Protein backbone atom coordinates (compact mmCIF):
# COMPACT_ATOMS: atom_id res chain seq x y z
CA UNK A 1 12.83 -12.19 -6.14
CA UNK A 2 10.63 -11.96 -3.05
CA UNK A 3 11.92 -8.43 -2.52
CA UNK A 4 11.27 -7.59 -6.17
CA UNK A 5 7.67 -8.80 -5.79
CA UNK A 6 7.16 -6.59 -2.75
CA UNK A 7 8.45 -3.64 -4.75
CA UNK A 8 6.19 -4.52 -7.67
CA UNK A 9 3.12 -4.45 -5.40
CA UNK A 10 3.71 -0.73 -4.88
CA UNK A 11 2.59 -0.17 -8.45
CA UNK A 12 -0.80 -1.90 -8.18
CA UNK A 13 -3.59 0.51 -9.11
CA UNK A 14 -1.07 3.06 -10.33
CA UNK A 15 0.45 1.71 -13.53
CA UNK A 16 -2.38 0.49 -15.80
CA UNK A 17 -2.40 -0.55 -18.60
CA UNK A 18 1.15 -1.67 -17.80
CA UNK A 19 1.99 -4.50 -15.43
CA UNK A 20 3.30 -3.77 -11.93
CA UNK A 21 6.92 -4.91 -12.08
CA UNK A 22 9.73 -4.93 -9.53
CA UNK A 23 13.46 -5.21 -10.14
CA UNK A 24 16.35 -5.80 -7.74
CA UNK A 25 19.98 -5.73 -8.90
CA UNK A 26 22.50 -7.65 -6.79
CA UNK A 27 26.29 -7.70 -7.04
CA UNK A 28 28.56 -9.68 -4.75
CA UNK A 29 25.63 -10.35 -2.43
CA UNK A 30 24.76 -6.66 -2.05
CA UNK A 31 21.68 -4.89 -3.44
CA UNK A 32 23.05 -2.11 -5.65
CA UNK A 33 19.82 -1.07 -7.36
CA UNK A 34 16.09 -1.53 -7.04
CA UNK A 35 13.04 -0.13 -8.74
CA UNK A 36 9.38 -0.61 -9.53
CA UNK A 37 7.05 0.58 -12.29
CA UNK A 38 6.23 4.23 -11.72
CA UNK A 39 2.77 5.89 -11.82
CA UNK A 40 1.33 5.90 -15.31
CA UNK A 41 3.43 2.88 -16.27
CA UNK A 42 6.84 4.45 -16.77
CA UNK A 43 9.71 4.57 -16.16
CA UNK A 44 9.81 0.79 -15.99
CA UNK A 45 11.21 -1.06 -13.00
CA UNK A 46 14.42 -2.15 -14.74
CA UNK A 47 15.25 1.41 -15.81
CA UNK A 48 14.80 2.72 -12.27
CA UNK A 49 16.96 -0.06 -10.81
CA UNK A 50 19.69 0.43 -13.41
CA UNK A 51 19.75 4.18 -12.77
CA UNK A 52 20.30 3.49 -9.09
CA UNK A 53 22.96 0.84 -9.70
CA UNK A 54 24.91 2.92 -12.20
CA UNK A 55 28.24 1.29 -13.19
CA UNK A 56 27.78 -1.35 -10.48
CA UNK A 57 25.22 -3.03 -12.75
CA UNK A 58 28.05 -4.45 -14.87
CA UNK A 59 28.54 -8.08 -13.91
CA UNK A 60 25.52 -8.04 -11.58
CA UNK A 61 22.37 -10.18 -11.43
CA UNK A 62 18.99 -8.56 -12.07
CA UNK A 63 15.90 -10.12 -10.48
CA UNK A 64 12.80 -9.05 -12.42
CA UNK A 65 9.21 -10.12 -11.68
CA UNK A 66 8.23 -10.13 -15.38
CA UNK A 67 10.16 -10.80 -18.57
CA UNK A 68 11.83 -7.53 -19.67
CA UNK A 69 10.00 -5.87 -22.55
CA UNK A 70 11.42 -6.34 -26.03
CA UNK A 71 9.45 -3.76 -28.03
CA UNK A 72 9.67 -0.02 -28.59
CA UNK A 73 6.67 1.69 -27.00
CA UNK A 74 6.85 5.02 -25.21
CA UNK A 75 10.28 3.90 -24.03
CA UNK A 76 13.04 1.68 -25.52
CA UNK A 77 13.04 -2.04 -24.62
CA UNK A 78 14.15 -2.87 -21.07
CA UNK A 79 15.98 -5.91 -22.47
CA UNK A 80 18.24 -3.50 -24.37
CA UNK A 81 18.82 -1.45 -21.22
CA UNK A 82 19.94 -4.54 -19.32
CA UNK A 83 22.24 -5.53 -22.19
CA UNK A 84 23.74 -2.02 -22.39
CA UNK A 85 24.36 -2.06 -18.62
CA UNK A 86 26.36 -5.31 -19.06
CA UNK A 87 24.49 -7.28 -16.41
CA UNK A 88 25.76 -10.83 -16.19
CA UNK A 89 22.53 -12.67 -15.33
CA UNK A 90 18.79 -12.01 -15.36
CA UNK A 91 16.34 -13.98 -13.20
CA UNK A 92 12.61 -13.68 -13.97
CA UNK A 93 9.39 -14.93 -12.45
CA UNK A 94 7.06 -14.82 -15.46
CA UNK A 95 7.11 -14.79 -19.23
CA UNK A 96 5.14 -11.79 -20.48
CA UNK A 97 2.05 -13.06 -22.40
CA UNK A 98 1.88 -9.83 -24.42
CA UNK A 99 2.54 -10.99 -28.00
CA UNK A 100 4.90 -8.04 -28.49
CA UNK A 101 7.16 -9.59 -25.85
CA UNK A 102 6.26 -13.25 -25.10
CA UNK A 103 9.72 -14.84 -25.02
CA UNK A 104 11.40 -12.19 -27.16
CA UNK A 105 12.86 -10.40 -24.14
CA UNK A 106 14.43 -13.57 -22.83
CA UNK A 107 15.73 -14.39 -26.31
CA UNK A 108 17.34 -10.95 -26.70
CA UNK A 109 19.16 -11.33 -23.39
CA UNK A 110 20.44 -14.80 -24.24
CA UNK A 111 21.56 -13.66 -27.69
CA UNK A 112 23.64 -10.98 -25.98
CA UNK A 113 25.38 -13.61 -23.86
CA UNK A 114 23.44 -12.92 -20.65
CA UNK A 115 22.51 -15.96 -18.55
CA UNK A 116 18.73 -16.16 -18.02
CA UNK A 117 16.92 -18.11 -15.30
CA UNK A 118 13.14 -18.31 -15.60
CA UNK A 119 10.28 -19.40 -13.36
CA UNK A 120 11.38 -18.18 -9.92
CA UNK A 121 8.36 -17.55 -7.59
CA UNK A 122 6.03 -17.86 -10.56
CA UNK A 123 2.89 -18.52 -8.50
CA UNK A 124 3.40 -15.38 -6.41
CA UNK A 125 4.11 -13.27 -9.48
CA UNK A 126 1.02 -14.63 -11.23
CA UNK A 127 -1.17 -13.69 -8.30
CA UNK A 128 0.35 -10.21 -8.09
CA UNK A 129 -0.23 -9.42 -11.76
CA UNK A 130 -3.50 -11.33 -12.17
CA UNK A 131 -5.16 -8.21 -13.57
CA UNK A 132 -2.58 -7.55 -16.26
CA UNK A 133 -2.42 -11.22 -17.20
CA UNK A 134 -6.21 -11.54 -17.47
CA UNK A 135 -6.49 -8.39 -19.56
CA UNK A 136 -3.84 -9.61 -22.01
CA UNK A 137 -5.01 -13.23 -22.26
CA UNK A 138 -8.80 -12.88 -21.86
CA UNK A 139 -9.60 -9.27 -22.68
CA UNK A 140 -11.17 -8.75 -19.25
CA UNK A 141 -10.06 -7.02 -16.06
CA UNK A 142 -9.61 -8.78 -12.73
CA UNK A 143 -12.73 -8.02 -10.67
CA UNK A 144 -12.85 -7.89 -6.88
CA UNK A 145 -16.37 -7.76 -5.45
CA UNK A 146 -16.39 -5.92 -2.13
CA UNK A 147 -19.32 -6.33 0.26
CA UNK A 148 -19.94 -5.04 3.78
CA UNK A 149 -22.74 -6.87 5.58
CA UNK A 150 -24.07 -7.64 9.02
CA UNK A 151 -23.65 -11.03 10.69
CA UNK A 152 -26.97 -12.05 9.17
CA UNK A 153 -25.98 -10.96 5.65
CA UNK A 154 -27.74 -7.59 5.46
CA UNK A 155 -26.22 -4.46 3.92
CA UNK A 156 -28.79 -1.95 5.25
CA UNK A 157 -31.92 -1.69 7.35
CA UNK A 158 -35.36 -1.76 5.78
CA UNK A 159 -35.20 2.06 5.51
CA UNK A 160 -31.85 1.90 3.69
CA UNK A 161 -29.66 3.00 6.60
CA UNK A 162 -26.18 1.50 6.26
CA UNK A 163 -23.75 3.92 7.93
CA UNK A 164 -22.01 2.31 9.55
CA UNK A 165 -22.32 -1.48 9.57
CA UNK A 166 -18.56 -1.80 9.98
CA UNK A 167 -16.12 0.21 12.06
CA UNK A 168 -13.20 2.51 11.22
CA UNK A 169 -10.63 -0.28 10.93
CA UNK A 170 -12.69 -2.05 8.28
CA UNK A 171 -13.38 1.18 6.41
CA UNK A 172 -9.67 1.96 6.31
CA UNK A 173 -9.07 -1.50 4.86
CA UNK A 174 -11.56 -0.65 2.10
CA UNK A 175 -9.51 2.40 1.18
CA UNK A 176 -6.46 0.17 1.02
CA UNK A 177 -8.33 -2.07 -1.42
CA UNK A 178 -9.24 0.93 -3.55
CA UNK A 179 -5.59 1.87 -3.60
CA UNK A 180 -4.59 -1.53 -5.03
CA UNK A 181 -7.10 -1.35 -7.90
CA UNK A 182 -7.22 0.76 -11.04
CA UNK A 183 -10.88 1.68 -10.64
CA UNK A 184 -13.82 1.59 -8.24
CA UNK A 185 -17.21 0.65 -9.72
CA UNK A 186 -20.78 0.98 -8.47
CA UNK A 187 -24.22 0.56 -9.98
CA UNK A 188 -26.79 3.30 -10.39
CA UNK A 189 -28.76 2.10 -7.34
CA UNK A 190 -25.81 2.59 -5.02
CA UNK A 191 -24.90 5.88 -6.67
CA UNK A 192 -28.43 7.24 -6.25
CA UNK A 193 -28.86 6.00 -2.67
CA UNK A 194 -25.45 7.01 -1.27
CA UNK A 195 -24.17 9.82 -3.52
CA UNK A 196 -20.63 8.46 -3.02
CA UNK A 197 -17.39 10.10 -4.10
CA UNK A 198 -15.48 6.77 -4.29
CA UNK A 199 -12.11 8.39 -3.62
CA UNK A 200 -9.17 6.92 -1.71
CA UNK A 201 -8.94 8.68 1.64
CA UNK A 202 -6.61 8.63 4.65
CA UNK A 203 -3.83 7.04 2.60
CA UNK A 204 -1.65 10.08 2.07
CA UNK A 205 -1.26 12.05 -1.14
CA UNK A 206 -2.22 9.43 -3.72
CA UNK A 207 -3.27 9.38 -7.34
CA UNK A 208 -7.04 8.87 -7.32
CA UNK A 209 -8.47 5.85 -9.10
CA UNK A 210 -10.98 5.90 -11.94
CA UNK A 211 -14.54 6.06 -10.56
CA UNK A 212 -17.11 4.14 -12.61
CA UNK A 213 -20.91 4.22 -12.45
CA UNK A 214 -23.00 1.67 -14.34
CA UNK A 215 -26.08 3.76 -15.11
CA UNK A 216 -28.07 2.43 -18.06
CA UNK A 217 -30.46 5.39 -18.25
CA UNK A 218 -28.16 8.07 -16.81
CA UNK A 219 -30.34 8.63 -13.77
CA UNK A 220 -27.44 9.77 -11.60
CA UNK A 221 -27.27 13.55 -11.46
CA UNK A 222 -24.31 15.48 -12.86
CA UNK A 223 -24.77 17.66 -9.74
CA UNK A 224 -23.77 14.68 -7.58
CA UNK A 225 -20.42 14.35 -5.81
CA UNK A 226 -19.08 12.37 -8.75
CA UNK A 227 -20.28 14.95 -11.25
CA UNK A 228 -18.90 17.89 -9.27
CA UNK A 229 -15.46 16.29 -8.93
CA UNK A 230 -15.08 14.69 -12.38
CA UNK A 231 -12.65 17.37 -13.55
CA UNK A 232 -10.43 16.72 -10.54
CA UNK A 233 -10.46 12.91 -10.57
CA UNK A 234 -11.62 10.68 -13.46
CA UNK A 235 -15.25 9.57 -13.64
CA UNK A 236 -16.52 7.14 -16.28
CA UNK A 237 -20.29 6.76 -16.64
CA UNK A 238 -21.36 3.61 -18.47
CA UNK A 239 -24.81 3.85 -20.06
CA UNK A 240 -27.00 2.08 -22.59
CA UNK A 241 -28.17 3.19 -26.05
CA UNK A 242 -31.54 4.15 -24.52
CA UNK A 243 -30.05 6.79 -22.20
CA UNK A 244 -31.87 10.11 -22.88
CA UNK A 245 -29.91 12.58 -24.98
CA UNK A 246 -30.80 15.37 -22.55
CA UNK A 247 -29.10 13.44 -19.75
CA UNK A 248 -26.04 12.87 -21.91
CA UNK A 249 -25.80 16.59 -22.67
CA UNK A 250 -26.14 17.41 -18.98
CA UNK A 251 -23.13 15.23 -18.14
CA UNK A 252 -20.81 16.62 -20.82
CA UNK A 253 -19.76 19.85 -19.00
CA UNK A 254 -18.68 17.86 -15.93
CA UNK A 255 -15.64 16.37 -17.63
CA UNK A 256 -16.85 12.81 -17.05
CA UNK A 257 -16.37 10.25 -19.82
CA UNK A 258 -19.59 8.73 -21.12
CA UNK A 259 -19.26 5.16 -22.40
CA UNK A 260 -22.13 3.57 -24.32
CA UNK A 261 -22.55 -0.19 -23.94
CA UNK A 262 -25.09 -2.55 -25.56
CA UNK A 263 -28.12 -3.66 -23.55
CA UNK A 264 -29.44 -7.17 -23.05
CA UNK A 265 -33.03 -7.65 -21.86
CA UNK A 266 -33.20 -4.15 -20.42
CA UNK A 267 -29.84 -4.35 -18.63
CA UNK A 268 -26.31 -3.30 -19.48
CA UNK A 269 -24.34 -6.16 -20.99
CA UNK A 270 -21.84 -6.70 -18.16
CA UNK A 271 -19.45 -8.82 -20.21
CA UNK A 272 -19.32 -6.15 -22.92
CA UNK A 273 -18.90 -3.52 -20.20
CA UNK A 274 -15.85 -5.20 -18.70
CA UNK A 275 -14.39 -5.93 -22.14
CA UNK A 276 -14.67 -2.24 -23.01
CA UNK A 277 -13.08 -1.19 -19.72
CA UNK A 278 -10.22 -3.60 -20.41
CA UNK A 279 -9.79 -2.14 -23.89
CA UNK A 280 -9.43 1.25 -22.21
CA UNK A 281 -6.55 -0.17 -20.21
CA UNK A 282 -8.06 -1.13 -16.85
CA UNK A 283 -6.60 -4.30 -15.32
CA UNK A 284 -8.09 -4.36 -11.78
CA UNK A 285 -11.59 -3.19 -10.81
CA UNK A 286 -13.06 -3.06 -7.30
CA UNK A 287 -16.84 -3.38 -7.50
CA UNK A 288 -18.57 -1.75 -4.53
CA UNK A 289 -22.06 -1.93 -5.99
CA UNK A 290 -25.10 -3.20 -4.14
CA UNK A 291 -26.94 -6.52 -4.18
CA UNK A 292 -28.15 -6.20 -7.78
CA UNK A 293 -24.76 -5.72 -9.40
CA UNK A 294 -23.19 -8.24 -7.01
CA UNK A 295 -25.63 -10.95 -8.08
CA UNK A 296 -25.36 -10.04 -11.77
CA UNK A 297 -21.56 -10.25 -11.74
CA UNK A 298 -21.61 -13.58 -9.88
CA UNK A 299 -24.20 -15.06 -12.25
CA UNK A 300 -22.11 -14.05 -15.25
CA UNK A 301 -18.96 -15.57 -13.76
CA UNK A 302 -17.19 -12.20 -13.88
CA UNK A 303 -15.96 -12.06 -10.28
CA UNK A 304 -12.42 -13.23 -9.53
CA UNK A 305 -12.21 -12.35 -5.86
CA UNK A 306 -14.69 -11.58 -3.08
CA UNK A 307 -13.67 -9.15 -0.32
CA UNK A 308 -16.18 -9.66 2.49
CA UNK A 309 -16.44 -7.32 5.48
CA UNK A 310 -18.70 -8.65 8.24
CA UNK A 311 -19.85 -6.23 10.91
CA UNK A 312 -20.71 -7.33 14.43
CA UNK A 313 -24.36 -6.34 14.17
CA UNK A 314 -27.70 -8.08 13.53
CA UNK A 315 -30.26 -6.35 11.31
CA UNK A 316 -32.91 -8.98 10.62
CA UNK A 317 -34.78 -10.32 7.65
CA UNK A 318 -36.44 -7.01 6.83
CA UNK A 319 -33.04 -5.54 5.95
CA UNK A 320 -31.52 -5.38 2.49
CA UNK A 321 -29.70 -8.61 1.50
CA UNK A 322 -26.06 -8.59 0.40
CA UNK A 323 -26.94 -10.42 -2.81
CA UNK A 324 -29.87 -10.22 -5.16
CA UNK A 325 -31.47 -13.33 -6.62
CA UNK A 326 -29.00 -15.82 -8.09
CA UNK A 327 -31.64 -18.04 -9.67
CA UNK A 328 -30.63 -21.18 -7.78
CA UNK A 329 -32.95 -24.14 -7.35
CA UNK A 330 -30.42 -26.64 -5.99
CA UNK A 331 -27.62 -26.26 -3.47
CA UNK A 332 -25.33 -28.18 -5.81
CA UNK A 333 -25.56 -25.21 -8.22
CA UNK A 334 -24.34 -22.70 -5.64
CA UNK A 335 -20.98 -20.99 -6.09
CA UNK A 336 -18.45 -22.20 -3.53
CA UNK A 337 -15.61 -19.69 -3.22
CA UNK A 338 -12.29 -20.71 -1.69
CA UNK A 339 -11.21 -18.89 1.47
CA UNK A 340 -7.74 -17.38 1.02
CA UNK A 341 -7.35 -15.10 4.05
CA UNK A 342 -9.19 -13.89 7.14
CA UNK A 343 -8.48 -11.03 9.50
CA UNK A 344 -10.02 -9.41 12.58
CA UNK A 345 -10.47 -5.65 12.16
CA UNK A 346 -11.62 -4.13 15.43
CA UNK A 347 -15.14 -5.43 16.04
CA UNK A 348 -15.44 -6.73 12.46
CA UNK A 349 -13.92 -9.42 10.26
CA UNK A 350 -12.49 -9.36 6.77
CA UNK A 351 -12.28 -12.43 4.56
CA UNK A 352 -10.88 -12.83 1.06
CA UNK A 353 -12.27 -15.50 -1.23
CA UNK A 354 -11.45 -16.56 -4.78
CA UNK A 355 -13.97 -17.84 -7.30
CA UNK A 356 -13.04 -20.36 -9.94
């Protein structure tokens, strides 16, 4: 199962709206087939593993990180494929919360006389597919907030200079994070200041992630890097009802998708934004916005994980802070994330925190 989970991780950022699943087929102590969910969500992991195993699947044990699907979608049910292959036993880590499956896959296998063992490495599987699980059960994507700041918590100098607070090792880690998410999201302030392209670089020939800009009034130019590359790699621009129609028309030829979201007190409704992105299939979003969007997401309780890159540099109080105002009046009201991992990256540090 541990091997199946490692295989499943290869699908993160590549398989939405499907879960990232791994499957290992073992017979007489030998791995005879293995697979993971392929880009775009299919073929499924079980199908790939069964193709590799061929006739050796008969009488074998299949280790699958998520309950095999039991419904007809774009492909037949994986539970049926396992039954047809005459596997003897299926071991799973999680029950699929999708109401189209939710126990039905396990039941189909048992009805066919296949032994089923559930709940193996459940905690690890839950962490791996946190995005898929949250989308299905809460209608929201898993959000990682990425910040790069100086030792004194500044993201730029007073003049806005920020390249580079961290070194090449940390920047490569950021591209790895992009690779493990379905989409990269920034606010209009960051988009206007940096003119980013938000692509995954130096990671080989990869499928680019969805690039999202939260731009209530559509101030970001369609002549920007994002606008010029929208036909090559997906760009979604989220705006409010008050966005000028001229700006909307200017964006249409770029190939970007414009998504209108309700406003609340002159700001995009972030909860509605994430709900809409989840409805469009996104399960994992990496937010690389500036201090304003960082604070807004934290205040709304919409951040699941914080990826903090700390550069070995001091900027001073006149620099731009990592977070905007959080509206706190007492320390007891402050968010207290839990540290999950820490790593030295050249002259910088990386720490991963979860928020309850």
